[in-house]
Structure formats: structure tokens, C-alpha cells
């Protein structure tokens, strides 16, 4: 698979994952671009090309986490408010959808990562590989996250 086809397939998905971390379209675009620079530089040396998606998601997740750590060190951590999304591809005017993202934002960091990858239709085995947990642990966390979000959404109604 060529870099161009990989970029075309995965860049919108990676952008949405990054947007979930930063709620800033420009910052999400920057981190997405940085992710694909690493992909471009390392693609030829990748040994296991069967799991390109997991590899790309892992790079993006690490880039996002590193960016957040740098911002925390500089005390510039932005407020995660998904109701202000401006990107046309991800912005939705329905209050329910925005409320869901607000509740996702209130989750702890690992749970936000897990549910973000889950919402990108990654299977639980790949999510487990990316976040470094067992498949069973990811399955339980996804179930608990869904329960938490369901309860909050019901209270919102």
C-alpha cells in the first residue's frame, strides 16, 4: 500500500482522534500532519504491515499525549469543550451529539482514548494493543464507559 493511499484512508480518522484530544481544529491538523510525517519516514522500514491501522493510531495517540504533556508543563492546557467544534467534517449542530462529546471529555484520559478509538470502529484487540491493556480489560472498560455515558445522557434528557 502506498503512502498516498494510506494518507487518504486514515487522515480523516486520525484527525477526528486528534480533535477529540484538543478540541482545536488547527492543533488537530498539526498533530495529524506530524503523525503522517512519522508514517512517511518509517513506512519503508515497517516490518509488520498487517496492522498498519493500529500502528498509525498508536503514533497519533502518542503524539497527542506528548503534546498534552508539553502543554501541562507550560500550564497552557486548553479547556476541552466539544461544543465549540468548528471543523465542518466533525461539527454537528445537534445538542445531543455535542452533549455526548462533552461527557466523553469528562472521562479520564485513558477512557477518552479507549472510547475515541472505539468510536473509530477499531476492534477491541487493536485498542488493547494501542493502549497497552489486555483485551478483557478493554472490553470491561468499554462496557463501563458506555454505562457512564448512558446514565449522563439520560440525566440530560
C-alpha atoms as a PDB file:
ATOM      1  CA  UNK A   1       0.000   0.000   0.000  1.00  0.00           C
ATOM      2  CA  UNK A   2       1.399   3.386  -0.955  1.00  0.00           C
ATOM      3  CA  UNK A   3       1.791   6.298   1.415  1.00  0.00           C
ATOM      4  CA  UNK A   4      -0.724   8.323  -0.611  1.00  0.00           C
ATOM      5  CA  UNK A   5      -3.423   5.677  -0.235  1.00  0.00           C
ATOM      6  CA  UNK A   6      -2.647   5.262   3.471  1.00  0.00           C
ATOM      7  CA  UNK A   7      -2.902   9.021   3.954  1.00  0.00           C
ATOM      8  CA  UNK A   8      -6.167   9.209   2.058  1.00  0.00           C
ATOM      9  CA  UNK A   9      -7.740   6.388   4.069  1.00  0.00           C
ATOM     10  CA  UNK A  10      -6.509   7.248   7.557  1.00  0.00           C
ATOM     11  CA  UNK A  11      -6.043  11.021   7.716  1.00  0.00           C
ATOM     12  CA  UNK A  12      -9.729  11.858   8.357  1.00  0.00           C
ATOM     13  CA  UNK A  13      -9.888   9.218  11.104  1.00  0.00           C
ATOM     14  CA  UNK A  14      -6.656  10.383  12.715  1.00  0.00           C
ATOM     15  CA  UNK A  15      -7.843  13.980  12.508  1.00  0.00           C
ATOM     16  CA  UNK A  16     -11.027  13.078  14.433  1.00  0.00           C
ATOM     17  CA  UNK A  17      -8.994  11.259  17.085  1.00  0.00           C
ATOM     18  CA  UNK A  18      -6.695  14.271  17.465  1.00  0.00           C
ATOM     19  CA  UNK A  19      -9.668  16.629  17.555  1.00  0.00           C
ATOM     20  CA  UNK A  20     -11.021  14.598  20.444  1.00  0.00           C
ATOM     21  CA  UNK A  21      -7.873  15.351  22.403  1.00  0.00           C
ATOM     22  CA  UNK A  22      -7.557  19.046  21.652  1.00  0.00           C
ATOM     23  CA  UNK A  23     -10.934  20.445  20.507  1.00  0.00           C
ATOM     24  CA  UNK A  24      -8.908  22.776  18.340  1.00  0.00           C
ATOM     25  CA  UNK A  25      -9.107  22.066  14.618  1.00  0.00           C
ATOM     26  CA  UNK A  26      -5.778  23.741  13.860  1.00  0.00           C
ATOM     27  CA  UNK A  27      -3.926  21.850  16.576  1.00  0.00           C
ATOM     28  CA  UNK A  28      -5.599  18.602  15.475  1.00  0.00           C
ATOM     29  CA  UNK A  29      -4.481  19.265  11.883  1.00  0.00           C
ATOM     30  CA  UNK A  30      -0.929  19.920  13.084  1.00  0.00           C
ATOM     31  CA  UNK A  31      -0.739  16.707  15.101  1.00  0.00           C
ATOM     32  CA  UNK A  32      -2.330  14.759  12.242  1.00  0.00           C
ATOM     33  CA  UNK A  33       0.327  16.142   9.913  1.00  0.00           C
ATOM     34  CA  UNK A  34       3.093  15.272  12.393  1.00  0.00           C
ATOM     35  CA  UNK A  35       1.685  11.755  12.624  1.00  0.00           C
ATOM     36  CA  UNK A  36       1.842  11.276   8.868  1.00  0.00           C
ATOM     37  CA  UNK A  37       5.356  12.678   8.702  1.00  0.00           C
ATOM     38  CA  UNK A  38       6.400   9.831  11.018  1.00  0.00           C
ATOM     39  CA  UNK A  39       4.376   7.370   8.936  1.00  0.00           C
ATOM     40  CA  UNK A  40       6.076   8.586   5.751  1.00  0.00           C
ATOM     41  CA  UNK A  41       9.553   8.389   7.296  1.00  0.00           C
ATOM     42  CA  UNK A  42       9.066   4.933   8.817  1.00  0.00           C
ATOM     43  CA  UNK A  43       6.739   3.162   6.382  1.00  0.00           C
ATOM     44  CA  UNK A  44       9.519   1.568   4.362  1.00  0.00           C
ATOM     45  CA  UNK A  45      11.100   0.063   7.482  1.00  0.00           C
ATOM     46  CA  UNK A  46       7.807  -1.228   8.934  1.00  0.00           C
ATOM     47  CA  UNK A  47       8.123  -4.992   9.303  1.00  0.00           C
ATOM     48  CA  UNK A  48       4.540  -5.974  10.114  1.00  0.00           C
ATOM     49  CA  UNK A  49       2.383  -4.266   7.512  1.00  0.00           C
ATOM     50  CA  UNK A  50      -0.660  -6.309   8.537  1.00  0.00           C
ATOM     51  CA  UNK A  51      -1.512  -3.852  11.302  1.00  0.00           C
ATOM     52  CA  UNK A  52      -0.851  -0.511   9.657  1.00  0.00           C
ATOM     53  CA  UNK A  53      -4.009   0.983  11.172  1.00  0.00           C
ATOM     54  CA  UNK A  54      -3.003   0.101  14.726  1.00  0.00           C
ATOM     55  CA  UNK A  55       0.487   1.419  14.112  1.00  0.00           C
ATOM     56  CA  UNK A  56      -0.843   4.748  12.802  1.00  0.00           C
ATOM     57  CA  UNK A  57      -3.326   5.100  15.667  1.00  0.00           C
ATOM     58  CA  UNK A  58      -0.530   4.375  18.150  1.00  0.00           C
ATOM     59  CA  UNK A  59       1.650   7.096  16.586  1.00  0.00           C
ATOM     60  CA  UNK A  60      -1.233   9.594  16.678  1.00  0.00           C
ATOM     61  CA  UNK A  61      -2.143   8.731  20.262  1.00  0.00           C
ATOM     62  CA  UNK A  62       1.458   9.122  21.374  1.00  0.00           C
ATOM     63  CA  UNK A  63       1.773  12.439  19.533  1.00  0.00           C
ATOM     64  CA  UNK A  64      -1.429  13.723  21.176  1.00  0.00           C
ATOM     65  CA  UNK A  65      -0.360  12.589  24.626  1.00  0.00           C
ATOM     66  CA  UNK A  66       3.093  14.117  24.198  1.00  0.00           C
ATOM     67  CA  UNK A  67       1.526  17.408  23.089  1.00  0.00           C
ATOM     68  CA  UNK A  68      -0.763  17.397  26.127  1.00  0.00           C
ATOM     69  CA  UNK A  69       2.176  16.702  28.445  1.00  0.00           C
ATOM     70  CA  UNK A  70       4.097  19.605  26.942  1.00  0.00           C
ATOM     71  CA  UNK A  71       1.121  21.893  27.396  1.00  0.00           C
ATOM     72  CA  UNK A  72       0.679  20.782  31.003  1.00  0.00           C
ATOM     73  CA  UNK A  73       4.320  21.556  31.679  1.00  0.00           C
ATOM     74  CA  UNK A  74       3.786  25.008  30.239  1.00  0.00           C
ATOM     75  CA  UNK A  75       0.460  25.373  32.057  1.00  0.00           C
ATOM     76  CA  UNK A  76      -1.303  26.024  28.785  1.00  0.00           C
ATOM     77  CA  UNK A  77      -3.657  23.052  28.850  1.00  0.00           C
ATOM     78  CA  UNK A  78      -6.817  24.065  26.960  1.00  0.00           C
ATOM     79  CA  UNK A  79     -10.308  23.538  28.281  1.00  0.00           C
ATOM     80  CA  UNK A  80     -11.890  20.610  26.449  1.00  0.00           C
ATOM     81  CA  UNK A  81     -15.236  21.875  25.255  1.00  0.00           C
ATOM     82  CA  UNK A  82     -16.501  19.894  22.290  1.00  0.00           C
ATOM     83  CA  UNK A  83     -19.468  22.222  21.852  1.00  0.00           C
ATOM     84  CA  UNK A  84     -17.199  24.740  20.074  1.00  0.00           C
ATOM     85  CA  UNK A  85     -16.047  22.477  17.259  1.00  0.00           C
ATOM     86  CA  UNK A  86     -15.575  24.426  14.050  1.00  0.00           C
ATOM     87  CA  UNK A  87     -14.409  21.841  11.535  1.00  0.00           C
ATOM     88  CA  UNK A  88     -17.234  21.218   9.043  1.00  0.00           C
ATOM     89  CA  UNK A  89     -16.491  17.488   8.857  1.00  0.00           C
ATOM     90  CA  UNK A  90     -16.972  16.963  12.588  1.00  0.00           C
ATOM     91  CA  UNK A  91     -19.211  19.825  13.672  1.00  0.00           C
ATOM     92  CA  UNK A  92     -22.785  18.829  14.354  1.00  0.00           C
ATOM     93  CA  UNK A  93     -25.497  21.239  15.343  1.00  0.00           C
ATOM     94  CA  UNK A  94     -27.491  18.747  17.395  1.00  0.00           C
ATOM     95  CA  UNK A  95     -27.206  19.433  21.103  1.00  0.00           C
ATOM     96  CA  UNK A  96     -27.403  15.749  21.977  1.00  0.00           C
ATOM     97  CA  UNK A  97     -24.313  14.885  19.974  1.00  0.00           C
ATOM     98  CA  UNK A  98     -22.414  17.799  21.458  1.00  0.00           C
ATOM     99  CA  UNK A  99     -23.531  16.849  24.952  1.00  0.00           C
ATOM    100  CA  UNK A 100     -22.216  13.315  24.384  1.00  0.00           C
ATOM    101  CA  UNK A 101     -18.814  14.705  23.432  1.00  0.00           C
ATOM    102  CA  UNK A 102     -18.877  16.934  26.488  1.00  0.00           C
ATOM    103  CA  UNK A 103     -19.459  13.866  28.655  1.00  0.00           C
ATOM    104  CA  UNK A 104     -16.716  11.959  26.849  1.00  0.00           C
ATOM    105  CA  UNK A 105     -14.416  14.871  27.629  1.00  0.00           C
ATOM    106  CA  UNK A 106     -15.178  14.477  31.335  1.00  0.00           C
ATOM    107  CA  UNK A 107     -13.802  10.911  31.316  1.00  0.00           C
ATOM    108  CA  UNK A 108     -10.275  10.234  32.484  1.00  0.00           C
ATOM    109  CA  UNK A 109      -7.563  10.299  29.824  1.00  0.00           C
ATOM    110  CA  UNK A 110      -7.318   6.548  29.229  1.00  0.00           C
ATOM    111  CA  UNK A 111     -11.088   6.148  28.970  1.00  0.00           C
ATOM    112  CA  UNK A 112     -11.242   9.056  26.480  1.00  0.00           C
ATOM    113  CA  UNK A 113      -8.599   7.321  24.368  1.00  0.00           C
ATOM    114  CA  UNK A 114     -10.404   3.980  24.525  1.00  0.00           C
ATOM    115  CA  UNK A 115     -13.828   5.360  23.634  1.00  0.00           C
ATOM    116  CA  UNK A 116     -12.331   7.561  20.912  1.00  0.00           C
ATOM    117  CA  UNK A 117     -10.708   4.559  19.259  1.00  0.00           C
ATOM    118  CA  UNK A 118     -13.871   2.509  19.782  1.00  0.00           C
ATOM    119  CA  UNK A 119     -15.927   5.199  18.052  1.00  0.00           C
ATOM    120  CA  UNK A 120     -13.492   4.996  15.135  1.00  0.00           C
ATOM    121  CA  UNK A 121     -14.580   1.347  14.737  1.00  0.00           C
ATOM    122  CA  UNK A 122     -11.319  -0.188  15.890  1.00  0.00           C
ATOM    123  CA  UNK A 123     -11.843  -3.636  17.292  1.00  0.00           C
ATOM    124  CA  UNK A 124     -11.081  -4.227  20.940  1.00  0.00           C
ATOM    125  CA  UNK A 125      -7.952  -6.271  20.193  1.00  0.00           C
ATOM    126  CA  UNK A 126      -6.409  -3.328  18.331  1.00  0.00           C
ATOM    127  CA  UNK A 127      -7.471  -0.899  21.038  1.00  0.00           C
ATOM    128  CA  UNK A 128      -5.840  -3.166  23.630  1.00  0.00           C
ATOM    129  CA  UNK A 129      -2.639  -3.215  21.610  1.00  0.00           C
ATOM    130  CA  UNK A 130      -2.623   0.577  21.207  1.00  0.00           C
ATOM    131  CA  UNK A 131      -3.284   1.426  24.859  1.00  0.00           C
ATOM    132  CA  UNK A 132      -1.260  -1.447  26.311  1.00  0.00           C
ATOM    133  CA  UNK A 133      -4.060  -3.229  28.160  1.00  0.00           C
ATOM    134  CA  UNK A 134      -5.447  -6.732  27.870  1.00  0.00           C
ATOM    135  CA  UNK A 135      -8.383  -7.379  25.555  1.00  0.00           C
ATOM    136  CA  UNK A 136     -10.531  -8.326  28.563  1.00  0.00           C
ATOM    137  CA  UNK A 137      -9.662  -5.082  30.348  1.00  0.00           C
ATOM    138  CA  UNK A 138     -10.554  -3.036  27.263  1.00  0.00           C
ATOM    139  CA  UNK A 139     -13.856  -4.927  26.906  1.00  0.00           C
ATOM    140  CA  UNK A 140     -14.768  -4.176  30.532  1.00  0.00           C
ATOM    141  CA  UNK A 141     -13.733  -0.526  30.215  1.00  0.00           C
ATOM    142  CA  UNK A 142     -15.779  -0.044  27.029  1.00  0.00           C
ATOM    143  CA  UNK A 143     -18.806  -1.522  28.792  1.00  0.00           C
ATOM    144  CA  UNK A 144     -18.328   0.727  31.835  1.00  0.00           C
ATOM    145  CA  UNK A 145     -17.732   3.808  29.696  1.00  0.00           C
ATOM    146  CA  UNK A 146     -20.945   3.123  27.789  1.00  0.00           C
ATOM    147  CA  UNK A 147     -22.835   2.787  31.085  1.00  0.00           C
ATOM    148  CA  UNK A 148     -21.419   6.064  32.391  1.00  0.00           C
ATOM    149  CA  UNK A 149     -22.244   7.919  29.187  1.00  0.00           C
ATOM    150  CA  UNK A 150     -25.728   6.385  29.016  1.00  0.00           C
ATOM    151  CA  UNK A 151     -26.525   7.499  32.567  1.00  0.00           C
ATOM    152  CA  UNK A 152     -25.297  11.026  31.893  1.00  0.00           C
ATOM    153  CA  UNK A 153     -27.245  11.244  28.630  1.00  0.00           C
ATOM    154  CA  UNK A 154     -30.427  10.042  30.368  1.00  0.00           C
ATOM    155  CA  UNK A 155     -29.978  12.722  33.030  1.00  0.00           C
ATOM    156  CA  UNK A 156     -29.562  15.286  30.232  1.00  0.00           C
ATOM    157  CA  UNK A 157     -32.898  14.371  28.606  1.00  0.00           C
END
